[in-house]
Amino acid sequence: MNWKDEGYLLSKTNFSENSIIIETFTLDHGKYTGIVYGGSSRKQKKIFQVGNKISLDWKSKGENQNGYFTAELIKAISPIFFDDKKRSTCIRSATSFLKILMPERQTNKKIYNSFDKMVESLELINWINLYITWEIELIKELGFEINFLENKSNNGIINKSSEINDIQNKIPLLLMKKESKSYSKKDVLEALNFNKNLILKNIIIPNKLQFPLFRDLLTKYFN
């Protein structure tokens, strides 16, 4: 079985002296894992940095069997933000979510395209807003529809909240003004914690998964 596709590198581990096992999230084939012979060589090493966008050629003896990749670099994402700890951590946070939440070999072009768009937007000033919005889109696409509600109190103040699985939560200010380029660290922290709470309660805890370390690290930058 052979195919060619584009994708993002989610993780890599050593396999032998010169080879690695990589996990990728691809446009037309979903999350795929395979061996790259010679992937740890000096010539190829720069290709396989988590978050990089790569062109992939997959070969295996059968559809459900293990196989191997050959790869070429499309765009080096990680080196762009090498000196920017916040954005670098953001990339690792997003790829960690895809690694643990996406099912093997199931195509989801909507999530792929939203991730692709988010990564391309990391150089913008409001990059963290866009990342937080991406997390909300990921939650929705995984089957947890979020309903945004407005309730008027006795004094006429409109309280905005979200409802998921019949549980209401106050909507963070950043999510209500997500197109704005002006925000405080408090706004960001509130939104990150809001998303974390949704992901933990509805996905991580029920499925006995481990919440990504890099996501917690990203939150710490805004404490």
N, C-alpha and C. Protein backbone atom coordinates (compact mmCIF):
# COMPACT_ATOMS: atom_id res chain seq x y z
N MET A 1 0.85 -1.20 0.00
CA MET A 1 0.00 0.00 0.00
C MET A 1 0.88 1.24 0.00
N ASN A 2 0.65 2.13 -0.95
CA ASN A 2 1.43 3.36 -1.05
C ASN A 2 0.50 4.57 -1.11
N TRP A 3 0.92 5.67 -0.50
CA TRP A 3 0.21 6.93 -0.67
C TRP A 3 1.15 8.10 -0.39
N LYS A 4 0.76 9.25 -0.91
CA LYS A 4 1.50 10.48 -0.66
C LYS A 4 0.55 11.52 -0.07
N ASP A 5 1.06 12.32 0.85
CA ASP A 5 0.20 13.28 1.54
C ASP A 5 1.08 14.36 2.17
N GLU A 6 0.44 15.37 2.73
CA GLU A 6 1.14 16.37 3.53
C GLU A 6 0.68 16.22 4.97
N GLY A 7 1.51 16.67 5.90
CA GLY A 7 1.12 16.56 7.30
C GLY A 7 2.06 17.29 8.22
N TYR A 8 1.74 17.24 9.51
CA TYR A 8 2.56 17.86 10.55
C TYR A 8 3.15 16.78 11.46
N LEU A 9 4.38 17.00 11.87
CA LEU A 9 5.03 16.05 12.76
C LEU A 9 4.54 16.27 14.19
N LEU A 10 3.98 15.20 14.80
CA LEU A 10 3.47 15.28 16.17
C LEU A 10 4.48 14.78 17.19
N SER A 11 5.26 13.77 16.82
CA SER A 11 6.25 13.24 17.75
C SER A 11 7.26 12.39 17.00
N LYS A 12 8.38 12.13 17.66
CA LYS A 12 9.38 11.22 17.10
C LYS A 12 10.09 10.51 18.25
N THR A 13 10.46 9.26 18.02
CA THR A 13 11.21 8.48 18.99
C THR A 13 12.28 7.69 18.25
N ASN A 14 13.38 7.42 18.94
CA ASN A 14 14.47 6.65 18.33
C ASN A 14 14.02 5.21 18.13
N PHE A 15 14.42 4.64 17.00
CA PHE A 15 14.06 3.26 16.68
C PHE A 15 15.29 2.37 16.61
N SER A 16 16.32 2.87 15.99
CA SER A 16 17.59 2.17 15.92
C SER A 16 18.68 3.22 15.82
N GLU A 17 19.87 2.80 15.53
CA GLU A 17 21.00 3.73 15.52
C GLU A 17 20.76 4.93 14.61
N ASN A 18 20.15 4.70 13.45
CA ASN A 18 19.96 5.79 12.48
C ASN A 18 18.51 6.04 12.13
N SER A 19 17.59 5.28 12.70
CA SER A 19 16.19 5.39 12.31
C SER A 19 15.31 5.89 13.45
N ILE A 20 14.15 6.42 13.09
CA ILE A 20 13.20 6.94 14.08
C ILE A 20 11.79 6.47 13.73
N ILE A 21 10.92 6.53 14.73
CA ILE A 21 9.49 6.32 14.51
C ILE A 21 8.83 7.68 14.67
N ILE A 22 8.05 8.07 13.67
CA ILE A 22 7.38 9.36 13.73
C ILE A 22 5.87 9.18 13.75
N GLU A 23 5.21 10.13 14.37
CA GLU A 23 3.76 10.19 14.39
C GLU A 23 3.36 11.48 13.70
N THR A 24 2.48 11.39 12.72
CA THR A 24 2.11 12.54 11.92
C THR A 24 0.60 12.70 11.87
N PHE A 25 0.17 13.94 11.61
CA PHE A 25 -1.25 14.21 11.38
C PHE A 25 -1.37 14.74 9.97
N THR A 26 -2.01 13.96 9.09
CA THR A 26 -2.01 14.26 7.67
C THR A 26 -3.38 14.74 7.19
N LEU A 27 -3.37 15.40 6.05
CA LEU A 27 -4.59 15.97 5.49
C LEU A 27 -5.59 14.90 5.07
N ASP A 28 -5.15 13.91 4.30
CA ASP A 28 -6.06 12.94 3.69
C ASP A 28 -6.09 11.59 4.38
N HIS A 29 -5.19 11.35 5.34
CA HIS A 29 -5.12 10.03 5.96
C HIS A 29 -5.18 10.06 7.48
N GLY A 30 -5.32 11.24 8.06
CA GLY A 30 -5.42 11.33 9.51
C GLY A 30 -4.09 11.11 10.20
N LYS A 31 -4.14 10.62 11.44
CA LYS A 31 -2.93 10.39 12.23
C LYS A 31 -2.31 9.06 11.83
N TYR A 32 -1.03 9.09 11.47
CA TYR A 32 -0.32 7.89 11.02
C TYR A 32 1.05 7.81 11.70
N THR A 33 1.45 6.58 12.01
CA THR A 33 2.75 6.33 12.62
C THR A 33 3.56 5.40 11.73
N GLY A 34 4.86 5.67 11.61
CA GLY A 34 5.70 4.81 10.79
C GLY A 34 7.17 5.05 11.04
N ILE A 35 7.98 4.19 10.45
CA ILE A 35 9.44 4.26 10.60
C ILE A 35 10.03 5.14 9.51
N VAL A 36 11.03 5.91 9.86
CA VAL A 36 11.83 6.64 8.87
C VAL A 36 13.26 6.12 8.98
N TYR A 37 13.68 5.35 7.98
CA TYR A 37 15.04 4.83 7.98
C TYR A 37 16.02 5.97 7.69
N GLY A 38 17.01 6.10 8.54
CA GLY A 38 17.98 7.18 8.39
C GLY A 38 17.47 8.52 8.89
N GLY A 39 16.34 8.51 9.61
CA GLY A 39 15.72 9.76 10.05
C GLY A 39 16.51 10.53 11.08
N SER A 40 17.45 9.86 11.77
CA SER A 40 18.26 10.56 12.76
C SER A 40 19.61 11.00 12.22
N SER A 41 19.81 10.81 10.91
CA SER A 41 21.07 11.23 10.30
C SER A 41 21.16 12.75 10.27
N ARG A 42 22.36 13.25 10.16
CA ARG A 42 22.58 14.70 10.14
C ARG A 42 21.83 15.35 8.98
N LYS A 43 21.73 14.66 7.86
CA LYS A 43 21.08 15.21 6.67
C LYS A 43 19.58 15.36 6.87
N GLN A 44 18.95 14.38 7.55
CA GLN A 44 17.50 14.40 7.69
C GLN A 44 17.00 14.97 9.02
N LYS A 45 17.88 15.06 9.99
CA LYS A 45 17.47 15.42 11.35
C LYS A 45 16.67 16.72 11.42
N LYS A 46 17.07 17.70 10.62
CA LYS A 46 16.41 19.01 10.67
C LYS A 46 14.96 18.95 10.18
N ILE A 47 14.63 17.93 9.39
CA ILE A 47 13.26 17.78 8.90
C ILE A 47 12.32 17.43 10.05
N PHE A 48 12.80 16.58 10.96
CA PHE A 48 11.92 15.96 11.95
C PHE A 48 11.95 16.69 13.29
N GLN A 49 11.45 17.92 13.27
CA GLN A 49 11.24 18.69 14.48
C GLN A 49 9.73 18.85 14.66
N VAL A 50 9.28 18.59 15.88
CA VAL A 50 7.84 18.61 16.15
C VAL A 50 7.23 19.94 15.72
N GLY A 51 6.15 19.85 14.95
CA GLY A 51 5.47 21.03 14.45
C GLY A 51 5.80 21.36 13.00
N ASN A 52 6.86 20.76 12.46
CA ASN A 52 7.22 21.03 11.07
C ASN A 52 6.18 20.43 10.12
N LYS A 53 5.97 21.12 9.01
CA LYS A 53 5.07 20.64 7.97
C LYS A 53 5.88 19.89 6.94
N ILE A 54 5.48 18.65 6.64
CA ILE A 54 6.29 17.80 5.79
C ILE A 54 5.45 17.10 4.72
N SER A 55 6.13 16.76 3.62
CA SER A 55 5.54 15.95 2.56
C SER A 55 5.90 14.49 2.84
N LEU A 56 4.91 13.61 2.80
CA LEU A 56 5.11 12.22 3.22
C LEU A 56 4.80 11.23 2.11
N ASP A 57 5.64 10.22 2.02
CA ASP A 57 5.44 9.10 1.10
C ASP A 57 5.40 7.84 1.97
N TRP A 58 4.23 7.18 2.04
CA TRP A 58 4.03 6.02 2.91
C TRP A 58 4.04 4.73 2.11
N LYS A 59 4.70 3.71 2.63
CA LYS A 59 4.73 2.40 1.98
C LYS A 59 4.57 1.32 3.04
N SER A 60 3.70 0.35 2.75
CA SER A 60 3.54 -0.82 3.62
C SER A 60 3.03 -1.98 2.77
N LYS A 61 3.08 -3.18 3.33
CA LYS A 61 2.65 -4.38 2.60
C LYS A 61 1.13 -4.53 2.60
N GLY A 62 0.46 -3.88 3.55
CA GLY A 62 -0.99 -3.98 3.61
C GLY A 62 -1.58 -2.79 4.33
N GLU A 63 -2.89 -2.59 4.16
CA GLU A 63 -3.57 -1.41 4.70
C GLU A 63 -3.44 -1.31 6.21
N ASN A 64 -3.52 -2.42 6.92
CA ASN A 64 -3.50 -2.41 8.38
C ASN A 64 -2.16 -2.81 8.98
N GLN A 65 -1.14 -2.85 8.14
CA GLN A 65 0.19 -3.24 8.62
C GLN A 65 1.07 -2.02 8.85
N ASN A 66 2.12 -2.24 9.65
CA ASN A 66 3.09 -1.18 9.87
C ASN A 66 3.84 -0.89 8.58
N GLY A 67 4.31 0.33 8.47
CA GLY A 67 5.02 0.72 7.26
C GLY A 67 6.09 1.75 7.55
N TYR A 68 6.58 2.36 6.50
CA TYR A 68 7.63 3.35 6.69
C TYR A 68 7.39 4.56 5.80
N PHE A 69 7.98 5.67 6.24
CA PHE A 69 7.86 6.95 5.55
C PHE A 69 9.18 7.34 4.90
N THR A 70 9.07 8.06 3.81
CA THR A 70 10.13 8.96 3.37
C THR A 70 9.50 10.35 3.39
N ALA A 71 10.28 11.34 3.72
CA ALA A 71 9.70 12.67 3.95
C ALA A 71 10.59 13.78 3.42
N GLU A 72 9.94 14.86 3.04
CA GLU A 72 10.63 16.09 2.64
C GLU A 72 10.00 17.26 3.38
N LEU A 73 10.79 18.24 3.67
CA LEU A 73 10.32 19.41 4.41
C LEU A 73 9.51 20.33 3.51
N ILE A 74 8.31 20.68 3.96
CA ILE A 74 7.50 21.70 3.27
C ILE A 74 7.74 23.06 3.91
N LYS A 75 7.64 23.11 5.23
CA LYS A 75 7.90 24.35 5.95
C LYS A 75 8.42 24.05 7.34
N ALA A 76 9.54 24.67 7.69
CA ALA A 76 10.11 24.51 9.03
C ALA A 76 9.40 25.47 9.97
N ILE A 77 8.48 24.96 10.76
CA ILE A 77 7.70 25.79 11.68
C ILE A 77 8.46 26.04 12.98
N SER A 78 8.98 24.99 13.59
CA SER A 78 9.63 25.11 14.90
C SER A 78 10.80 26.10 14.91
N PRO A 79 11.71 26.07 13.92
CA PRO A 79 12.85 27.00 13.97
C PRO A 79 12.45 28.48 13.92
N ILE A 80 11.30 28.78 13.33
CA ILE A 80 10.86 30.18 13.25
C ILE A 80 10.70 30.78 14.65
N PHE A 81 10.22 29.94 15.58
CA PHE A 81 9.92 30.42 16.92
C PHE A 81 10.89 29.85 17.96
N PHE A 82 12.10 29.52 17.51
CA PHE A 82 13.08 28.91 18.40
C PHE A 82 13.37 29.77 19.62
N ASP A 83 13.41 31.09 19.44
CA ASP A 83 13.72 32.01 20.54
C ASP A 83 12.48 32.58 21.21
N ASP A 84 11.31 32.08 20.85
CA ASP A 84 10.05 32.54 21.43
C ASP A 84 9.43 31.39 22.22
N LYS A 85 9.64 31.39 23.53
CA LYS A 85 9.20 30.27 24.36
C LYS A 85 7.69 30.09 24.35
N LYS A 86 6.95 31.19 24.33
CA LYS A 86 5.49 31.10 24.37
C LYS A 86 4.95 30.45 23.11
N ARG A 87 5.39 30.93 21.95
CA ARG A 87 4.89 30.36 20.70
C ARG A 87 5.40 28.93 20.49
N SER A 88 6.64 28.66 20.88
CA SER A 88 7.16 27.30 20.77
C SER A 88 6.35 26.33 21.62
N THR A 89 6.01 26.77 22.83
CA THR A 89 5.20 25.94 23.72
C THR A 89 3.79 25.77 23.18
N CYS A 90 3.28 26.80 22.54
CA CYS A 90 1.96 26.73 21.91
C CYS A 90 1.93 25.63 20.84
N ILE A 91 2.96 25.56 20.02
CA ILE A 91 3.05 24.52 19.00
C ILE A 91 3.05 23.14 19.64
N ARG A 92 3.85 22.97 20.69
CA ARG A 92 3.93 21.67 21.36
C ARG A 92 2.63 21.32 22.06
N SER A 93 1.93 22.32 22.57
CA SER A 93 0.63 22.09 23.20
C SER A 93 -0.37 21.57 22.18
N ALA A 94 -0.45 22.23 21.04
CA ALA A 94 -1.41 21.85 19.99
C ALA A 94 -1.10 20.46 19.43
N THR A 95 0.18 20.19 19.15
CA THR A 95 0.54 18.87 18.61
C THR A 95 0.30 17.77 19.64
N SER A 96 0.47 18.09 20.92
CA SER A 96 0.20 17.11 21.98
C SER A 96 -1.28 16.73 22.01
N PHE A 97 -2.15 17.74 21.85
CA PHE A 97 -3.58 17.45 21.81
C PHE A 97 -3.93 16.55 20.63
N LEU A 98 -3.37 16.85 19.47
CA LEU A 98 -3.64 16.02 18.29
C LEU A 98 -3.13 14.60 18.50
N LYS A 99 -1.99 14.47 19.14
CA LYS A 99 -1.39 13.17 19.38
C LYS A 99 -2.28 12.29 20.26
N ILE A 100 -2.84 12.87 21.33
CA ILE A 100 -3.61 12.05 22.27
C ILE A 100 -5.10 11.96 21.93
N LEU A 101 -5.61 12.92 21.17
CA LEU A 101 -7.05 12.97 20.94
C LEU A 101 -7.51 12.45 19.58
N MET A 102 -6.64 12.50 18.59
CA MET A 102 -7.06 12.07 17.27
C MET A 102 -6.94 10.55 17.11
N PRO A 103 -7.97 9.90 16.59
CA PRO A 103 -7.91 8.45 16.38
C PRO A 103 -6.95 8.09 15.25
N GLU A 104 -6.39 6.92 15.32
CA GLU A 104 -5.46 6.47 14.29
C GLU A 104 -6.16 6.27 12.95
N ARG A 105 -5.55 6.78 11.92
CA ARG A 105 -5.93 6.53 10.53
C ARG A 105 -7.37 6.91 10.21
N GLN A 106 -7.85 7.96 10.84
CA GLN A 106 -9.18 8.49 10.53
C GLN A 106 -9.03 9.93 10.06
N THR A 107 -9.45 10.18 8.83
CA THR A 107 -9.31 11.50 8.24
C THR A 107 -10.25 12.50 8.91
N ASN A 108 -9.73 13.69 9.21
CA ASN A 108 -10.55 14.80 9.67
C ASN A 108 -9.97 16.08 9.09
N LYS A 109 -10.44 16.41 7.88
CA LYS A 109 -9.89 17.57 7.18
C LYS A 109 -10.22 18.88 7.88
N LYS A 110 -11.36 18.91 8.57
CA LYS A 110 -11.75 20.14 9.25
C LYS A 110 -10.77 20.48 10.36
N ILE A 111 -10.40 19.48 11.17
CA ILE A 111 -9.42 19.71 12.23
C ILE A 111 -8.06 20.00 11.62
N TYR A 112 -7.69 19.27 10.56
CA TYR A 112 -6.39 19.53 9.92
C TYR A 112 -6.31 20.96 9.41
N ASN A 113 -7.34 21.40 8.71
CA ASN A 113 -7.31 22.74 8.13
C ASN A 113 -7.33 23.83 9.20
N SER A 114 -8.05 23.60 10.29
CA SER A 114 -8.08 24.59 11.36
C SER A 114 -6.73 24.65 12.07
N PHE A 115 -6.07 23.51 12.22
CA PHE A 115 -4.73 23.48 12.79
C PHE A 115 -3.74 24.18 11.87
N ASP A 116 -3.83 23.89 10.59
CA ASP A 116 -2.97 24.50 9.58
C ASP A 116 -3.10 26.02 9.61
N LYS A 117 -4.33 26.50 9.70
CA LYS A 117 -4.60 27.93 9.74
C LYS A 117 -4.06 28.56 11.02
N MET A 118 -4.22 27.86 12.14
CA MET A 118 -3.73 28.37 13.42
C MET A 118 -2.21 28.50 13.41
N VAL A 119 -1.53 27.48 12.89
CA VAL A 119 -0.07 27.50 12.83
C VAL A 119 0.42 28.65 11.95
N GLU A 120 -0.26 28.87 10.82
CA GLU A 120 0.11 29.95 9.91
C GLU A 120 -0.13 31.33 10.54
N SER A 121 -0.94 31.38 11.60
CA SER A 121 -1.28 32.66 12.24
C SER A 121 -0.43 32.97 13.46
N LEU A 122 0.54 32.10 13.76
CA LEU A 122 1.33 32.28 14.98
C LEU A 122 2.20 33.53 14.96
N GLU A 123 2.45 34.07 13.79
CA GLU A 123 3.28 35.28 13.71
C GLU A 123 2.46 36.55 13.94
N LEU A 124 1.13 36.42 14.01
CA LEU A 124 0.27 37.58 14.25
C LEU A 124 0.32 38.00 15.70
N ILE A 125 -0.02 39.25 15.97
CA ILE A 125 0.04 39.78 17.32
C ILE A 125 -0.99 39.12 18.24
N ASN A 126 -2.13 38.72 17.69
CA ASN A 126 -3.18 38.09 18.51
C ASN A 126 -3.15 36.57 18.39
N TRP A 127 -1.96 36.00 18.27
CA TRP A 127 -1.80 34.56 18.07
C TRP A 127 -2.43 33.74 19.19
N ILE A 128 -2.33 34.21 20.43
CA ILE A 128 -2.87 33.42 21.54
C ILE A 128 -4.39 33.37 21.49
N ASN A 129 -5.03 34.46 21.04
CA ASN A 129 -6.48 34.44 20.84
C ASN A 129 -6.86 33.34 19.84
N LEU A 130 -6.10 33.28 18.76
CA LEU A 130 -6.40 32.32 17.70
C LEU A 130 -6.16 30.89 18.16
N TYR A 131 -5.14 30.70 19.00
CA TYR A 131 -4.89 29.37 19.54
C TYR A 131 -6.05 28.94 20.45
N ILE A 132 -6.49 29.84 21.31
CA ILE A 132 -7.59 29.53 22.23
C ILE A 132 -8.86 29.21 21.45
N THR A 133 -9.12 29.97 20.39
CA THR A 133 -10.27 29.69 19.53
C THR A 133 -10.13 28.34 18.86
N TRP A 134 -8.90 27.99 18.46
CA TRP A 134 -8.66 26.66 17.86
C TRP A 134 -9.01 25.55 18.83
N GLU A 135 -8.67 25.71 20.10
CA GLU A 135 -9.03 24.69 21.08
C GLU A 135 -10.54 24.51 21.16
N ILE A 136 -11.28 25.62 21.13
CA ILE A 136 -12.75 25.54 21.16
C ILE A 136 -13.26 24.78 19.93
N GLU A 137 -12.70 25.07 18.76
CA GLU A 137 -13.10 24.39 17.53
C GLU A 137 -12.78 22.90 17.62
N LEU A 138 -11.65 22.56 18.23
CA LEU A 138 -11.27 21.16 18.40
C LEU A 138 -12.27 20.44 19.29
N ILE A 139 -12.66 21.08 20.40
CA ILE A 139 -13.64 20.50 21.32
C ILE A 139 -14.96 20.22 20.59
N LYS A 140 -15.40 21.19 19.80
CA LYS A 140 -16.65 21.03 19.05
C LYS A 140 -16.55 19.89 18.04
N GLU A 141 -15.44 19.84 17.32
CA GLU A 141 -15.28 18.84 16.27
C GLU A 141 -15.18 17.43 16.85
N LEU A 142 -14.75 17.32 18.09
CA LEU A 142 -14.66 16.02 18.74
C LEU A 142 -16.01 15.55 19.28
N GLY A 143 -17.04 16.39 19.05
CA GLY A 143 -18.39 15.95 19.38
C GLY A 143 -19.03 16.60 20.58
N PHE A 144 -18.38 17.63 21.13
CA PHE A 144 -18.93 18.30 22.30
C PHE A 144 -19.40 19.69 21.90
N GLU A 145 -20.62 19.77 21.42
CA GLU A 145 -21.17 21.03 20.95
C GLU A 145 -21.34 22.00 22.12
N ILE A 146 -20.88 23.22 21.91
CA ILE A 146 -20.96 24.25 22.94
C ILE A 146 -22.03 25.25 22.55
N ASN A 147 -23.00 25.43 23.42
CA ASN A 147 -24.06 26.42 23.20
C ASN A 147 -23.76 27.68 24.01
N PHE A 148 -23.74 28.81 23.33
CA PHE A 148 -23.50 30.08 24.00
C PHE A 148 -24.83 30.72 24.33
N LEU A 149 -25.02 31.06 25.61
CA LEU A 149 -26.29 31.56 26.11
C LEU A 149 -26.16 32.97 26.65
N GLU A 150 -27.28 33.70 26.63
CA GLU A 150 -27.35 35.03 27.24
C GLU A 150 -28.52 35.07 28.19
N ASN A 151 -28.26 35.44 29.44
CA ASN A 151 -29.31 35.54 30.45
C ASN A 151 -29.28 36.94 31.07
N LYS A 152 -30.42 37.58 31.12
CA LYS A 152 -30.50 38.93 31.69
C LYS A 152 -30.89 38.82 33.17
N SER A 153 -30.07 39.43 34.01
CA SER A 153 -30.33 39.40 35.45
C SER A 153 -31.37 40.43 35.82
N ASN A 154 -31.74 40.48 37.12
CA ASN A 154 -32.77 41.40 37.60
C ASN A 154 -32.38 42.86 37.41
N ASN A 155 -31.09 43.16 37.47
CA ASN A 155 -30.65 44.55 37.30
C ASN A 155 -30.34 44.91 35.84
N GLY A 156 -30.72 44.02 34.93
CA GLY A 156 -30.59 44.33 33.50
C GLY A 156 -29.26 43.95 32.89
N ILE A 157 -28.32 43.44 33.69
CA ILE A 157 -27.01 43.05 33.18
C ILE A 157 -27.12 41.70 32.46
N ILE A 158 -26.53 41.65 31.27
CA ILE A 158 -26.56 40.42 30.49
C ILE A 158 -25.37 39.54 30.88
N ASN A 159 -25.65 38.35 31.34
CA ASN A 159 -24.61 37.39 31.71
C ASN A 159 -24.48 36.36 30.59
N LYS A 160 -23.30 36.27 30.03
CA LYS A 160 -23.07 35.33 28.95
C LYS A 160 -22.42 34.07 29.50
N SER A 161 -22.94 32.92 29.09
CA SER A 161 -22.41 31.65 29.56
C SER A 161 -22.44 30.64 28.42
N SER A 162 -21.77 29.53 28.63
CA SER A 162 -21.78 28.44 27.66
C SER A 162 -22.38 27.21 28.32
N GLU A 163 -22.94 26.35 27.51
CA GLU A 163 -23.53 25.12 28.03
C GLU A 163 -22.99 23.94 27.23
N ILE A 164 -22.47 22.98 27.95
CA ILE A 164 -22.01 21.75 27.32
C ILE A 164 -22.36 20.61 28.26
N ASN A 165 -23.03 19.62 27.73
CA ASN A 165 -23.52 18.50 28.55
C ASN A 165 -24.35 18.99 29.74
N ASP A 166 -25.21 19.99 29.47
CA ASP A 166 -26.14 20.54 30.46
C ASP A 166 -25.45 21.25 31.63
N ILE A 167 -24.17 21.57 31.48
CA ILE A 167 -23.45 22.32 32.51
C ILE A 167 -23.09 23.69 31.97
N GLN A 168 -23.43 24.73 32.73
CA GLN A 168 -23.18 26.11 32.29
C GLN A 168 -21.89 26.64 32.90
N ASN A 169 -21.16 27.40 32.08
CA ASN A 169 -19.92 28.05 32.51
C ASN A 169 -19.89 29.47 31.98
N LYS A 170 -19.37 30.38 32.77
CA LYS A 170 -19.24 31.76 32.34
C LYS A 170 -18.24 31.86 31.20
N ILE A 171 -18.61 32.58 30.15
CA ILE A 171 -17.72 32.73 28.99
C ILE A 171 -16.63 33.75 29.30
N PRO A 172 -15.36 33.41 29.12
CA PRO A 172 -14.26 34.36 29.33
C PRO A 172 -14.37 35.55 28.38
N LEU A 173 -13.90 36.69 28.84
CA LEU A 173 -13.95 37.91 28.05
C LEU A 173 -13.23 37.76 26.72
N LEU A 174 -12.09 37.07 26.72
CA LEU A 174 -11.31 36.92 25.49
C LEU A 174 -12.10 36.20 24.41
N LEU A 175 -12.91 35.21 24.79
CA LEU A 175 -13.71 34.48 23.81
C LEU A 175 -14.86 35.32 23.28
N MET A 176 -15.29 36.32 24.06
CA MET A 176 -16.35 37.20 23.58
C MET A 176 -15.81 38.28 22.66
N LYS A 177 -14.51 38.59 22.79
CA LYS A 177 -13.89 39.60 21.92
C LYS A 177 -12.69 38.99 21.19
N LYS A 178 -12.90 37.76 20.67
CA LYS A 178 -11.79 37.00 20.11
C LYS A 178 -11.14 37.65 18.89
N GLU A 179 -11.83 38.56 18.22
CA GLU A 179 -11.23 39.24 17.07
C GLU A 179 -10.35 40.41 17.49
N SER A 180 -10.43 40.78 18.76
CA SER A 180 -9.66 41.92 19.25
C SER A 180 -8.18 41.57 19.35
N LYS A 181 -7.33 42.57 19.15
CA LYS A 181 -5.90 42.38 19.30
C LYS A 181 -5.41 42.95 20.63
N SER A 182 -6.34 43.41 21.44
CA SER A 182 -6.02 43.97 22.75
C SER A 182 -6.56 43.04 23.83
N TYR A 183 -5.68 42.56 24.68
CA TYR A 183 -6.09 41.65 25.74
C TYR A 183 -5.05 41.71 26.86
N SER A 184 -5.45 41.32 28.05
CA SER A 184 -4.55 41.30 29.18
C SER A 184 -4.15 39.86 29.49
N LYS A 185 -3.11 39.70 30.32
CA LYS A 185 -2.70 38.37 30.73
C LYS A 185 -3.82 37.69 31.50
N LYS A 186 -4.58 38.49 32.24
CA LYS A 186 -5.71 37.94 32.99
C LYS A 186 -6.76 37.37 32.06
N ASP A 187 -7.04 38.10 30.95
CA ASP A 187 -8.00 37.62 29.95
C ASP A 187 -7.56 36.27 29.37
N VAL A 188 -6.26 36.19 29.02
CA VAL A 188 -5.72 34.98 28.42
C VAL A 188 -5.79 33.81 29.41
N LEU A 189 -5.37 34.07 30.64
CA LEU A 189 -5.37 33.02 31.66
C LEU A 189 -6.79 32.50 31.91
N GLU A 190 -7.75 33.41 31.96
CA GLU A 190 -9.14 33.02 32.18
C GLU A 190 -9.63 32.11 31.06
N ALA A 191 -9.30 32.47 29.82
CA ALA A 191 -9.74 31.67 28.66
C ALA A 191 -9.03 30.32 28.61
N LEU A 192 -7.73 30.30 28.91
CA LEU A 192 -6.99 29.04 28.92
C LEU A 192 -7.54 28.08 29.98
N ASN A 193 -7.85 28.62 31.14
CA ASN A 193 -8.41 27.79 32.21
C ASN A 193 -9.83 27.31 31.88
N PHE A 194 -10.60 28.16 31.20
CA PHE A 194 -11.94 27.79 30.74
C PHE A 194 -11.87 26.59 29.80
N ASN A 195 -10.97 26.68 28.82
CA ASN A 195 -10.81 25.59 27.86
C ASN A 195 -10.30 24.32 28.55
N LYS A 196 -9.34 24.48 29.45
CA LYS A 196 -8.79 23.32 30.15
C LYS A 196 -9.89 22.59 30.92
N ASN A 197 -10.75 23.35 31.57
CA ASN A 197 -11.83 22.76 32.34
C ASN A 197 -12.76 21.93 31.43
N LEU A 198 -13.09 22.49 30.26
CA LEU A 198 -13.94 21.76 29.31
C LEU A 198 -13.27 20.48 28.82
N ILE A 199 -11.99 20.59 28.48
CA ILE A 199 -11.27 19.43 27.94
C ILE A 199 -11.10 18.35 29.00
N LEU A 200 -10.77 18.76 30.21
CA LEU A 200 -10.60 17.79 31.29
C LEU A 200 -11.90 17.03 31.58
N LYS A 201 -12.97 17.78 31.79
CA LYS A 201 -14.24 17.17 32.21
C LYS A 201 -14.88 16.32 31.13
N ASN A 202 -14.72 16.73 29.88
CA ASN A 202 -15.46 16.06 28.82
C ASN A 202 -14.64 15.08 27.98
N ILE A 203 -13.31 15.19 28.04
CA ILE A 203 -12.48 14.33 27.18
C ILE A 203 -11.40 13.60 27.97
N ILE A 204 -10.57 14.34 28.68
CA ILE A 204 -9.40 13.75 29.32
C ILE A 204 -9.78 12.77 30.43
N ILE A 205 -10.56 13.24 31.40
CA ILE A 205 -10.91 12.40 32.55
C ILE A 205 -11.77 11.20 32.16
N PRO A 206 -12.84 11.37 31.37
CA PRO A 206 -13.67 10.20 30.99
C PRO A 206 -12.89 9.12 30.25
N ASN A 207 -11.86 9.53 29.48
CA ASN A 207 -11.09 8.57 28.68
C ASN A 207 -9.77 8.18 29.34
N LYS A 208 -9.57 8.65 30.58
CA LYS A 208 -8.37 8.31 31.37
C LYS A 208 -7.09 8.66 30.61
N LEU A 209 -7.07 9.87 30.06
CA LEU A 209 -5.90 10.36 29.34
C LEU A 209 -5.10 11.29 30.23
N GLN A 210 -3.90 11.60 29.80
CA GLN A 210 -3.05 12.52 30.55
C GLN A 210 -3.07 13.89 29.88
N PHE A 211 -3.39 14.91 30.67
CA PHE A 211 -3.44 16.26 30.12
C PHE A 211 -2.03 16.67 29.70
N PRO A 212 -1.87 17.28 28.51
CA PRO A 212 -0.54 17.59 27.98
C PRO A 212 0.27 18.53 28.88
N LEU A 213 1.50 18.14 29.14
CA LEU A 213 2.42 18.94 29.94
C LEU A 213 2.65 20.31 29.32
N PHE A 214 2.78 20.35 28.00
CA PHE A 214 3.06 21.61 27.33
C PHE A 214 1.89 22.58 27.42
N ARG A 215 0.69 22.05 27.53
CA ARG A 215 -0.48 22.94 27.70
C ARG A 215 -0.44 23.62 29.06
N ASP A 216 -0.06 22.86 30.11
CA ASP A 216 0.09 23.47 31.43
C ASP A 216 1.21 24.50 31.45
N LEU A 217 2.28 24.20 30.73
CA LEU A 217 3.42 25.13 30.65
C LEU A 217 3.00 26.43 29.96
N LEU A 218 2.19 26.32 28.91
CA LEU A 218 1.69 27.50 28.21
C LEU A 218 0.89 28.37 29.16
N THR A 219 0.04 27.75 29.98
CA THR A 219 -0.77 28.50 30.94
C THR A 219 0.12 29.26 31.92
N LYS A 220 1.21 28.66 32.35
CA LYS A 220 2.10 29.29 33.33
C LYS A 220 2.72 30.59 32.81
N TYR A 221 2.88 30.70 31.51
CA TYR A 221 3.44 31.92 30.93
C TYR A 221 2.49 33.12 31.11
N PHE A 222 1.23 32.84 31.41
CA PHE A 222 0.26 33.93 31.53
C PHE A 222 -0.25 34.08 32.97
N ASN A 223 0.41 33.42 33.92
CA ASN A 223 0.06 33.58 35.33
C ASN A 223 0.53 34.94 35.85
